[in-house]
Structures are given as C-alpha cells and as structure tokens.
Amino acid sequence: MPWTSDFAIDHIARRVQVLNTGSDLSNASISAFQKLIDSAIDQDIFSILHGQHSEMYRIIGANYPVRLERFASSLFGIISRGAHLTAYTCSASGDIRIWVPRRSAHMFTYPGMLDSTVAGGVKAEDSPFDCIVHEADEEASLPEELVRRDAKSCGVLTYMGMSDPGSGGEQGLVCPDLIYAFDIELGDGVVPKPRDDEVQEFYLWDVEQVKKAMFRAEFKPNCALVMIDFFIRHGIIREDNEEDFVEIATRLHRKLPIATAPSKG
C-alpha cells in the first residue's frame, strides 16, 4: 500500500491512523483515503482496482461520515453493502419459479455466472431500497412504480468472505459483507429483460433447476447465499428436510468482527 503522509502506521500495534490537524474528521478522512487510492490507481499497484475509479461506499461503522471507492473496500477490510432482489412467480398450486440472470461474459468479476435477479452495491448516498429501484430498471427493465409498490424487504445477511479467482483481483482478501435481501412476486405478464450490458439473459427456473445449478457451482458465491436464504424463508429448505438446517441459517447471519454502526456514548 503506497501510504501517504496523511496516515500514521504502527506495525507493532497493527493500527493505521488518519492524521488530522483540524476539527473536520470526516472530510480529512475522506480526503486521505482518496489521495491514497488515487496513488494506488496511478501506480497500478492492485489489480482489484483495475486502473479505474468507482462509486463511493459508506464506511458504516465509522463514528462520523466517511466514504471511499467501492473497488478499494476489500483492501482495507471495509464492510461492503449490497442489495439483492429475488423475483419469482407463484402458481395457484403454490409452485415457485425464480427469475435467474446470467452475467455477461465480459464482466470483470464472475463473468458468465448466475446471479440474483437484481443486485448491486449500495452507494454512499443511497439506501438499500434506492439501490434496488435503480438496479431493477437498469438490469432487468422492471418499472420503478412496480418495484416501489411490490418489492418487500426480507432482512439482511451478514457473513465473512474471501476474494477468490472470480473476484477479478488480489486473492485471499478478507471481505466482510452485508446483503440487504428483497423479494418481489411478479405476474405472468411481467418478464425481466436486460437493459444494460451486464446481463446476458434471464431464465425462469423452478426450484429443482435452481438447486441443480447451485450444486454445479454456477452461481456467483454471494448470490448462492441469497438463494439459500430465499429457500429458507419460503419453506423450501426446512428443519425436516435438511439435517444442517440450523448451521446453514446461522452462517447466513454471522456477528461480524467489525462495527456495523457508530459507537454509542
């Protein structure tokens, strides 16, 4: 890491501190991170940055507003926030079918893999629902009015991940993650269609087809977690048909070793 003079590094205590001579800790921290990331991009040090800037992420555990670029979050162990929407249909007999997209082959991360119906990183200025509304239009051509009316918040997944070959950058980085889950039931006449170039196509699959694709490891890793959570919430995975039910449910909601909210007091 090309640390700048804005930081004090204590290798013994394993601590990095932003130096600030003024009273505006928020802007001092944002500026320090940006100078550091700019330097890393200019020197092309980390492949995970792939030589370009990205939208801003909020550091949710900070005691004052701080943000940094999305691509750099895993370099600092910052919690990433994502929002995922699972769109499905339900027949009169209760049979569920799920809209599953395949990522375009040119994507920098996990090209060609299966994804959540709609998903995206939550920008610093957005709420998780804002993210869903925007991405639903951009990725699946779902009207804003429909999404605002029918999408339902279904909780949050918390887990620790690690960057792998599909991540498109340095491997072995610890990646704490929050995923805000949403569901939307679509009528037979509503068909998701790619609008941008991030989605190759959509499939309308029954539960068995989705399960088989998961066993073949075709899903992007965090999207597999979202699908498992969907199966639990809709009674597809239950205590009576899965011996590891409690273990699976618990691992989807881990207590992260990093603050998820400002300290009180």
C-alpha atoms as a PDB file:
ATOM      1  CA  MET A   1       0.000   0.000   0.000  1.00  0.00           C
ATOM      2  CA  PRO A   2       1.532   3.379  -1.015  1.00  0.00           C
ATOM      3  CA  TRP A   3       0.729   5.078   2.305  1.00  0.00           C
ATOM      4  CA  THR A   4       0.798   8.864   2.156  1.00  0.00           C
ATOM      5  CA  SER A   5       1.786  11.366   4.835  1.00  0.00           C
ATOM      6  CA  ASP A   6      -1.881  11.578   5.814  1.00  0.00           C
ATOM      7  CA  PHE A   7      -1.526   8.267   7.688  1.00  0.00           C
ATOM      8  CA  ALA A   8       0.423   7.035  10.699  1.00  0.00           C
ATOM      9  CA  ILE A   9       1.273   3.334  10.523  1.00  0.00           C
ATOM     10  CA  ASP A  10       2.001   1.341  13.689  1.00  0.00           C
ATOM     11  CA  HIS A  11       3.102  -2.152  12.643  1.00  0.00           C
ATOM     12  CA  ILE A  12       3.520  -3.376  16.215  1.00  0.00           C
ATOM     13  CA  ALA A  13       0.008  -2.367  17.282  1.00  0.00           C
ATOM     14  CA  ARG A  14      -1.284  -3.220  13.784  1.00  0.00           C
ATOM     15  CA  ARG A  15      -3.003   0.147  13.595  1.00  0.00           C
ATOM     16  CA  VAL A  16      -3.489   2.678  10.815  1.00  0.00           C
ATOM     17  CA  GLN A  17      -4.459   6.185  11.880  1.00  0.00           C
ATOM     18  CA  VAL A  18      -5.588   9.130   9.779  1.00  0.00           C
ATOM     19  CA  LEU A  19      -3.670  12.234  10.788  1.00  0.00           C
ATOM     20  CA  ASN A  20      -5.780  15.345  11.133  1.00  0.00           C
ATOM     21  CA  THR A  21      -4.726  18.748  12.362  1.00  0.00           C
ATOM     22  CA  GLY A  22      -8.187  20.300  12.134  1.00  0.00           C
ATOM     23  CA  SER A  23     -11.619  19.631  13.583  1.00  0.00           C
ATOM     24  CA  ASP A  24     -13.273  18.183  10.452  1.00  0.00           C
ATOM     25  CA  LEU A  25     -12.506  14.486  10.873  1.00  0.00           C
ATOM     26  CA  SER A  26     -14.990  13.476   8.192  1.00  0.00           C
ATOM     27  CA  ASN A  27     -13.502  15.444   5.307  1.00  0.00           C
ATOM     28  CA  ALA A  28      -9.946  14.798   6.493  1.00  0.00           C
ATOM     29  CA  SER A  29     -10.554  11.030   6.378  1.00  0.00           C
ATOM     30  CA  ILE A  30     -12.318  11.132   3.012  1.00  0.00           C
ATOM     31  CA  SER A  31      -9.510  13.226   1.535  1.00  0.00           C
ATOM     32  CA  ALA A  32      -6.790  10.966   2.966  1.00  0.00           C
ATOM     33  CA  PHE A  33      -8.389   7.811   1.571  1.00  0.00           C
ATOM     34  CA  GLN A  34      -8.918   9.432  -1.824  1.00  0.00           C
ATOM     35  CA  LYS A  35      -5.281  10.544  -2.128  1.00  0.00           C
ATOM     36  CA  LEU A  36      -4.159   7.033  -1.225  1.00  0.00           C
ATOM     37  CA  ILE A  37      -6.495   5.352  -3.696  1.00  0.00           C
ATOM     38  CA  ASP A  38      -5.547   7.846  -6.425  1.00  0.00           C
ATOM     39  CA  SER A  39      -1.893   6.976  -5.860  1.00  0.00           C
ATOM     40  CA  ALA A  40      -2.593   3.230  -5.992  1.00  0.00           C
ATOM     41  CA  ILE A  41      -4.517   3.639  -9.257  1.00  0.00           C
ATOM     42  CA  ASP A  42      -1.873   5.888 -10.816  1.00  0.00           C
ATOM     43  CA  GLN A  43       0.842   3.350  -9.951  1.00  0.00           C
ATOM     44  CA  ASP A  44      -1.363   0.411 -10.985  1.00  0.00           C
ATOM     45  CA  ILE A  45      -0.437  -1.461  -7.798  1.00  0.00           C
ATOM     46  CA  PHE A  46      -3.592  -3.525  -7.208  1.00  0.00           C
ATOM     47  CA  SER A  47      -5.353  -5.470  -9.931  1.00  0.00           C
ATOM     48  CA  ILE A  48      -8.604  -5.315  -7.949  1.00  0.00           C
ATOM     49  CA  LEU A  49      -8.765  -1.578  -8.772  1.00  0.00           C
ATOM     50  CA  HIS A  50      -8.268  -2.428 -12.488  1.00  0.00           C
ATOM     51  CA  GLY A  51      -6.903   1.029 -13.146  1.00  0.00           C
ATOM     52  CA  GLN A  52     -10.144   2.931 -12.720  1.00  0.00           C
ATOM     53  CA  HIS A  53     -12.202   4.806 -10.181  1.00  0.00           C
ATOM     54  CA  SER A  54     -15.506   3.511  -8.809  1.00  0.00           C
ATOM     55  CA  GLU A  55     -18.565   4.799  -6.947  1.00  0.00           C
ATOM     56  CA  MET A  56     -18.273   5.704  -3.292  1.00  0.00           C
ATOM     57  CA  TYR A  57     -19.102   3.313  -0.444  1.00  0.00           C
ATOM     58  CA  ARG A  58     -20.017   4.453   3.054  1.00  0.00           C
ATOM     59  CA  ILE A  59     -17.982   3.054   5.950  1.00  0.00           C
ATOM     60  CA  ILE A  60     -20.972   2.101   8.051  1.00  0.00           C
ATOM     61  CA  GLY A  61     -19.199   1.535  11.376  1.00  0.00           C
ATOM     62  CA  ALA A  62     -17.487   4.942  11.461  1.00  0.00           C
ATOM     63  CA  ASN A  63     -18.423   7.457  14.141  1.00  0.00           C
ATOM     64  CA  TYR A  64     -18.638  10.235  11.546  1.00  0.00           C
ATOM     65  CA  PRO A  65     -19.444  10.219   7.795  1.00  0.00           C
ATOM     66  CA  VAL A  66     -16.614   8.574   5.845  1.00  0.00           C
ATOM     67  CA  ARG A  67     -16.607   7.064   2.379  1.00  0.00           C
ATOM     68  CA  LEU A  68     -14.149   5.535  -0.054  1.00  0.00           C
ATOM     69  CA  GLU A  69     -14.218   3.990  -3.507  1.00  0.00           C
ATOM     70  CA  ARG A  70     -16.021   0.671  -3.864  1.00  0.00           C
ATOM     71  CA  PHE A  71     -13.226  -1.254  -5.615  1.00  0.00           C
ATOM     72  CA  ALA A  72     -10.829  -0.410  -2.765  1.00  0.00           C
ATOM     73  CA  SER A  73     -13.068  -1.552   0.099  1.00  0.00           C
ATOM     74  CA  SER A  74     -11.600  -5.060   0.380  1.00  0.00           C
ATOM     75  CA  LEU A  75      -8.060  -3.648   0.517  1.00  0.00           C
ATOM     76  CA  PHE A  76      -8.982  -2.002   3.825  1.00  0.00           C
ATOM     77  CA  GLY A  77     -11.277  -4.701   5.234  1.00  0.00           C
ATOM     78  CA  ILE A  78     -14.243  -2.329   4.976  1.00  0.00           C
ATOM     79  CA  ILE A  79     -17.732  -3.845   5.151  1.00  0.00           C
ATOM     80  CA  SER A  80     -19.355  -3.869   1.731  1.00  0.00           C
ATOM     81  CA  ARG A  81     -23.089  -3.250   1.441  1.00  0.00           C
ATOM     82  CA  GLY A  82     -25.096  -4.901  -1.307  1.00  0.00           C
ATOM     83  CA  ALA A  83     -28.797  -5.127  -2.096  1.00  0.00           C
ATOM     84  CA  HIS A  84     -30.292  -8.156  -3.871  1.00  0.00           C
ATOM     85  CA  LEU A  85     -33.809  -8.645  -5.225  1.00  0.00           C
ATOM     86  CA  THR A  86     -35.181 -12.118  -5.959  1.00  0.00           C
ATOM     87  CA  ALA A  87     -38.046 -12.024  -8.451  1.00  0.00           C
ATOM     88  CA  TYR A  88     -40.307 -15.062  -8.606  1.00  0.00           C
ATOM     89  CA  THR A  89     -43.677 -16.299  -9.767  1.00  0.00           C
ATOM     90  CA  CYS A  90     -46.090 -18.472  -7.818  1.00  0.00           C
ATOM     91  CA  SER A  91     -48.759 -20.659  -9.409  1.00  0.00           C
ATOM     92  CA  ALA A  92     -52.229 -21.292  -7.997  1.00  0.00           C
ATOM     93  CA  SER A  93     -50.915 -24.593  -6.612  1.00  0.00           C
ATOM     94  CA  GLY A  94     -48.047 -22.825  -4.850  1.00  0.00           C
ATOM     95  CA  ASP A  95     -45.225 -23.831  -7.199  1.00  0.00           C
ATOM     96  CA  ILE A  96     -42.451 -21.230  -7.194  1.00  0.00           C
ATOM     97  CA  ARG A  97     -40.340 -20.319 -10.216  1.00  0.00           C
ATOM     98  CA  ILE A  98     -37.436 -17.884  -9.969  1.00  0.00           C
ATOM     99  CA  TRP A  99     -36.057 -15.394 -12.467  1.00  0.00           C
ATOM    100  CA  VAL A 100     -32.313 -16.125 -12.709  1.00  0.00           C
ATOM    101  CA  PRO A 101     -29.959 -13.980 -14.828  1.00  0.00           C
ATOM    102  CA  ARG A 102     -26.639 -14.984 -16.333  1.00  0.00           C
ATOM    103  CA  ARG A 103     -23.880 -12.400 -16.088  1.00  0.00           C
ATOM    104  CA  SER A 104     -22.339 -11.195 -19.326  1.00  0.00           C
ATOM    105  CA  ALA A 105     -19.110 -12.868 -20.395  1.00  0.00           C
ATOM    106  CA  HIS A 106     -17.207  -9.554 -20.368  1.00  0.00           C
ATOM    107  CA  MET A 107     -17.850  -8.781 -16.671  1.00  0.00           C
ATOM    108  CA  PHE A 108     -14.691  -8.130 -14.648  1.00  0.00           C
ATOM    109  CA  THR A 109     -15.968 -10.245 -11.738  1.00  0.00           C
ATOM    110  CA  TYR A 110     -17.556 -13.697 -12.091  1.00  0.00           C
ATOM    111  CA  PRO A 111     -18.179 -13.485 -15.861  1.00  0.00           C
ATOM    112  CA  GLY A 112     -20.833 -15.837 -17.191  1.00  0.00           C
ATOM    113  CA  MET A 113     -22.022 -16.954 -13.753  1.00  0.00           C
ATOM    114  CA  LEU A 114     -25.609 -16.956 -12.474  1.00  0.00           C
ATOM    115  CA  ASP A 115     -26.727 -14.038 -10.310  1.00  0.00           C
ATOM    116  CA  SER A 116     -29.591 -12.719  -8.225  1.00  0.00           C
ATOM    117  CA  THR A 117     -32.442 -11.342 -10.331  1.00  0.00           C
ATOM    118  CA  VAL A 118     -31.293  -7.817  -9.488  1.00  0.00           C
ATOM    119  CA  ALA A 119     -28.271  -6.854  -7.417  1.00  0.00           C
ATOM    120  CA  GLY A 120     -25.852  -4.019  -6.827  1.00  0.00           C
ATOM    121  CA  GLY A 121     -23.553  -2.339  -4.364  1.00  0.00           C
ATOM    122  CA  VAL A 122     -25.206   0.322  -2.207  1.00  0.00           C
ATOM    123  CA  LYS A 123     -23.688   3.715  -2.981  1.00  0.00           C
ATOM    124  CA  ALA A 124     -22.755   6.032  -0.127  1.00  0.00           C
ATOM    125  CA  GLU A 125     -25.676   8.371  -0.790  1.00  0.00           C
ATOM    126  CA  ASP A 126     -28.284   5.650  -1.348  1.00  0.00           C
ATOM    127  CA  SER A 127     -30.425   3.405   0.826  1.00  0.00           C
ATOM    128  CA  PRO A 128     -30.588  -0.320   0.014  1.00  0.00           C
ATOM    129  CA  PHE A 129     -34.070   0.189  -1.443  1.00  0.00           C
ATOM    130  CA  ASP A 130     -32.825   3.079  -3.619  1.00  0.00           C
ATOM    131  CA  CYS A 131     -30.229   0.663  -4.958  1.00  0.00           C
ATOM    132  CA  ILE A 132     -32.862  -1.974  -5.765  1.00  0.00           C
ATOM    133  CA  VAL A 133     -35.114   0.502  -7.580  1.00  0.00           C
ATOM    134  CA  HIS A 134     -32.226   1.774  -9.702  1.00  0.00           C
ATOM    135  CA  GLU A 135     -30.733  -1.639 -10.477  1.00  0.00           C
ATOM    136  CA  ALA A 136     -34.127  -3.214 -11.232  1.00  0.00           C
ATOM    137  CA  ASP A 137     -34.633  -0.701 -14.025  1.00  0.00           C
ATOM    138  CA  GLU A 138     -31.038  -0.842 -15.255  1.00  0.00           C
ATOM    139  CA  GLU A 139     -30.501  -4.615 -15.180  1.00  0.00           C
ATOM    140  CA  ALA A 140     -33.981  -6.091 -15.637  1.00  0.00           C
ATOM    141  CA  SER A 141     -36.189  -3.348 -17.160  1.00  0.00           C
ATOM    142  CA  LEU A 142     -38.586  -3.558 -14.195  1.00  0.00           C
ATOM    143  CA  PRO A 143     -40.604  -0.333 -13.854  1.00  0.00           C
ATOM    144  CA  GLU A 144     -39.880   1.843 -10.828  1.00  0.00           C
ATOM    145  CA  GLU A 145     -43.575   2.059  -9.905  1.00  0.00           C
ATOM    146  CA  LEU A 146     -43.855  -1.751  -9.833  1.00  0.00           C
ATOM    147  CA  VAL A 147     -40.729  -2.203  -7.716  1.00  0.00           C
ATOM    148  CA  ARG A 148     -41.655   0.527  -5.228  1.00  0.00           C
ATOM    149  CA  ARG A 149     -45.123  -0.964  -4.813  1.00  0.00           C
ATOM    150  CA  ASP A 150     -44.368  -4.698  -4.675  1.00  0.00           C
ATOM    151  CA  ALA A 151     -40.771  -5.270  -3.549  1.00  0.00           C
ATOM    152  CA  LYS A 152     -40.570  -6.388   0.075  1.00  0.00           C
ATOM    153  CA  SER A 153     -37.647  -6.081   2.451  1.00  0.00           C
ATOM    154  CA  CYS A 154     -36.718  -9.515   3.845  1.00  0.00           C
ATOM    155  CA  GLY A 155     -33.836  -8.777   6.191  1.00  0.00           C
ATOM    156  CA  VAL A 156     -30.065  -8.697   5.924  1.00  0.00           C
ATOM    157  CA  LEU A 157     -27.376 -11.370   5.503  1.00  0.00           C
ATOM    158  CA  THR A 158     -24.058 -10.916   7.312  1.00  0.00           C
ATOM    159  CA  TYR A 159     -21.026 -13.025   6.526  1.00  0.00           C
ATOM    160  CA  MET A 160     -17.260 -13.033   6.065  1.00  0.00           C
ATOM    161  CA  GLY A 161     -15.975 -13.833   2.608  1.00  0.00           C
ATOM    162  CA  MET A 162     -12.591 -14.077   0.954  1.00  0.00           C
ATOM    163  CA  SER A 163     -11.621 -12.921  -2.517  1.00  0.00           C
ATOM    164  CA  ASP A 164     -11.113 -15.763  -4.987  1.00  0.00           C
ATOM    165  CA  PRO A 165     -10.157 -16.134  -8.665  1.00  0.00           C
ATOM    166  CA  GLY A 166     -13.603 -14.936  -9.740  1.00  0.00           C
ATOM    167  CA  SER A 167     -13.189 -11.678  -7.827  1.00  0.00           C
ATOM    168  CA  GLY A 168     -11.006 -10.255 -10.560  1.00  0.00           C
ATOM    169  CA  GLY A 169      -8.186  -9.076  -8.321  1.00  0.00           C
ATOM    170  CA  GLU A 170      -5.936  -9.985  -5.433  1.00  0.00           C
ATOM    171  CA  GLN A 171      -6.919 -13.287  -3.840  1.00  0.00           C
ATOM    172  CA  GLY A 172      -7.187 -14.024  -0.133  1.00  0.00           C
ATOM    173  CA  LEU A 173      -8.500 -10.599   0.911  1.00  0.00           C
ATOM    174  CA  VAL A 174     -10.937 -10.729   3.828  1.00  0.00           C
ATOM    175  CA  CYS A 175     -14.295  -9.337   2.723  1.00  0.00           C
ATOM    176  CA  PRO A 176     -16.928  -8.644   5.403  1.00  0.00           C
ATOM    177  CA  ASP A 177     -20.285  -8.220   3.734  1.00  0.00           C
ATOM    178  CA  LEU A 178     -23.859  -7.120   4.343  1.00  0.00           C
ATOM    179  CA  ILE A 179     -26.546  -8.070   1.841  1.00  0.00           C
ATOM    180  CA  TYR A 180     -29.981  -6.493   2.164  1.00  0.00           C
ATOM    181  CA  ALA A 181     -32.472  -9.026   0.764  1.00  0.00           C
ATOM    182  CA  PHE A 182     -35.677  -8.136  -1.070  1.00  0.00           C
ATOM    183  CA  ASP A 183     -38.338 -10.272  -2.760  1.00  0.00           C
ATOM    184  CA  ILE A 184     -40.842  -9.399  -5.441  1.00  0.00           C
ATOM    185  CA  GLU A 185     -43.569 -11.673  -6.799  1.00  0.00           C
ATOM    186  CA  LEU A 186     -44.197 -10.994 -10.480  1.00  0.00           C
ATOM    187  CA  GLY A 187     -47.289 -11.769 -12.504  1.00  0.00           C
ATOM    188  CA  ASP A 188     -47.099 -13.942 -15.613  1.00  0.00           C
ATOM    189  CA  GLY A 189     -47.104 -10.877 -17.849  1.00  0.00           C
ATOM    190  CA  VAL A 190     -44.013  -9.290 -16.275  1.00  0.00           C
ATOM    191  CA  VAL A 191     -40.796 -10.548 -17.846  1.00  0.00           C
ATOM    192  CA  PRO A 192     -37.384  -9.198 -16.780  1.00  0.00           C
ATOM    193  CA  LYS A 193     -35.301  -8.132 -19.780  1.00  0.00           C
ATOM    194  CA  PRO A 194     -31.671  -6.963 -19.865  1.00  0.00           C
ATOM    195  CA  ARG A 195     -31.330  -3.215 -20.351  1.00  0.00           C
ATOM    196  CA  ASP A 196     -27.602  -2.735 -19.824  1.00  0.00           C
ATOM    197  CA  ASP A 197     -24.730  -4.953 -20.929  1.00  0.00           C
ATOM    198  CA  GLU A 198     -24.184  -6.629 -17.526  1.00  0.00           C
ATOM    199  CA  VAL A 199     -26.810  -9.354 -18.045  1.00  0.00           C
ATOM    200  CA  GLN A 200     -26.673 -11.851 -20.898  1.00  0.00           C
ATOM    201  CA  GLU A 201     -30.149 -13.345 -20.448  1.00  0.00           C
ATOM    202  CA  PHE A 202     -32.807 -14.348 -17.897  1.00  0.00           C
ATOM    203  CA  TYR A 203     -34.142 -17.833 -17.162  1.00  0.00           C
ATOM    204  CA  LEU A 204     -37.417 -18.657 -15.408  1.00  0.00           C
ATOM    205  CA  TRP A 205     -36.483 -21.766 -13.430  1.00  0.00           C
ATOM    206  CA  ASP A 206     -38.293 -23.996 -10.997  1.00  0.00           C
ATOM    207  CA  VAL A 207     -36.742 -24.801  -7.625  1.00  0.00           C
ATOM    208  CA  GLU A 208     -35.128 -28.051  -8.803  1.00  0.00           C
ATOM    209  CA  GLN A 209     -33.424 -26.330 -11.723  1.00  0.00           C
ATOM    210  CA  VAL A 210     -32.035 -23.671  -9.370  1.00  0.00           C
ATOM    211  CA  LYS A 211     -30.825 -26.319  -6.913  1.00  0.00           C
ATOM    212  CA  LYS A 212     -29.016 -28.248  -9.656  1.00  0.00           C
ATOM    213  CA  ALA A 213     -27.290 -25.062 -10.848  1.00  0.00           C
ATOM    214  CA  MET A 214     -26.201 -24.340  -7.271  1.00  0.00           C
ATOM    215  CA  PHE A 215     -24.750 -27.851  -6.895  1.00  0.00           C
ATOM    216  CA  ARG A 216     -22.844 -27.265 -10.149  1.00  0.00           C
ATOM    217  CA  ALA A 217     -21.402 -24.074  -8.576  1.00  0.00           C
ATOM    218  CA  GLU A 218     -22.826 -21.939 -11.380  1.00  0.00           C
ATOM    219  CA  PHE A 219     -23.958 -19.131  -9.059  1.00  0.00           C
ATOM    220  CA  LYS A 220     -21.804 -16.197  -8.050  1.00  0.00           C
ATOM    221  CA  PRO A 221     -20.909 -17.080  -4.414  1.00  0.00           C
ATOM    222  CA  ASN A 222     -22.823 -14.339  -2.604  1.00  0.00           C
ATOM    223  CA  CYS A 223     -25.852 -14.888  -4.851  1.00  0.00           C
ATOM    224  CA  ALA A 224     -25.913 -18.536  -3.799  1.00  0.00           C
ATOM    225  CA  LEU A 225     -26.238 -17.305  -0.205  1.00  0.00           C
ATOM    226  CA  VAL A 226     -29.153 -15.070  -1.178  1.00  0.00           C
ATOM    227  CA  MET A 227     -30.852 -18.006  -2.897  1.00  0.00           C
ATOM    228  CA  ILE A 228     -30.379 -20.253   0.135  1.00  0.00           C
ATOM    229  CA  ASP A 229     -31.910 -17.542   2.325  1.00  0.00           C
ATOM    230  CA  PHE A 230     -34.850 -17.310  -0.106  1.00  0.00           C
ATOM    231  CA  PHE A 231     -35.333 -21.089   0.125  1.00  0.00           C
ATOM    232  CA  ILE A 232     -35.363 -20.938   3.921  1.00  0.00           C
ATOM    233  CA  ARG A 233     -37.816 -18.048   4.071  1.00  0.00           C
ATOM    234  CA  HIS A 234     -40.185 -19.719   1.627  1.00  0.00           C
ATOM    235  CA  GLY A 235     -40.124 -23.093   3.371  1.00  0.00           C
ATOM    236  CA  ILE A 236     -38.162 -24.896   0.654  1.00  0.00           C
ATOM    237  CA  ILE A 237     -35.270 -25.671   2.996  1.00  0.00           C
ATOM    238  CA  ARG A 238     -36.618 -26.749   6.375  1.00  0.00           C
ATOM    239  CA  GLU A 239     -35.511 -28.499   9.539  1.00  0.00           C
ATOM    240  CA  ASP A 240     -37.316 -31.660   8.446  1.00  0.00           C
ATOM    241  CA  ASN A 241     -35.545 -31.961   5.072  1.00  0.00           C
ATOM    242  CA  GLU A 242     -32.066 -30.602   5.836  1.00  0.00           C
ATOM    243  CA  GLU A 243     -30.012 -32.024   8.694  1.00  0.00           C
ATOM    244  CA  ASP A 244     -27.735 -28.956   8.749  1.00  0.00           C
ATOM    245  CA  PHE A 245     -30.649 -26.503   8.760  1.00  0.00           C
ATOM    246  CA  VAL A 246     -29.631 -24.629  11.937  1.00  0.00           C
ATOM    247  CA  GLU A 247     -25.992 -24.440  10.918  1.00  0.00           C
ATOM    248  CA  ILE A 248     -26.872 -23.092   7.480  1.00  0.00           C
ATOM    249  CA  ALA A 249     -29.293 -20.491   8.859  1.00  0.00           C
ATOM    250  CA  THR A 250     -26.778 -19.376  11.478  1.00  0.00           C
ATOM    251  CA  ARG A 251     -23.958 -18.944   8.971  1.00  0.00           C
ATOM    252  CA  LEU A 252     -26.113 -16.592   6.918  1.00  0.00           C
ATOM    253  CA  HIS A 253     -26.346 -14.232   9.895  1.00  0.00           C
ATOM    254  CA  ARG A 254     -22.907 -14.117  11.494  1.00  0.00           C
ATOM    255  CA  LYS A 255     -21.858 -11.490  14.008  1.00  0.00           C
ATOM    256  CA  LEU A 256     -19.207  -9.544  12.128  1.00  0.00           C
ATOM    257  CA  PRO A 257     -15.942  -8.703  13.926  1.00  0.00           C
ATOM    258  CA  ILE A 258     -16.210  -5.167  12.553  1.00  0.00           C
ATOM    259  CA  ALA A 259     -18.529  -2.392  13.719  1.00  0.00           C
ATOM    260  CA  THR A 260     -21.764  -2.161  11.729  1.00  0.00           C
ATOM    261  CA  ALA A 261     -22.942   1.031  13.446  1.00  0.00           C
ATOM    262  CA  PRO A 262     -21.318   4.054  15.143  1.00  0.00           C
ATOM    263  CA  SER A 263     -20.348   3.501  18.764  1.00  0.00           C
ATOM    264  CA  LYS A 264     -22.789   4.900  21.301  1.00  0.00           C
ATOM    265  CA  GLY A 265     -21.959   7.188  24.153  1.00  0.00           C
END
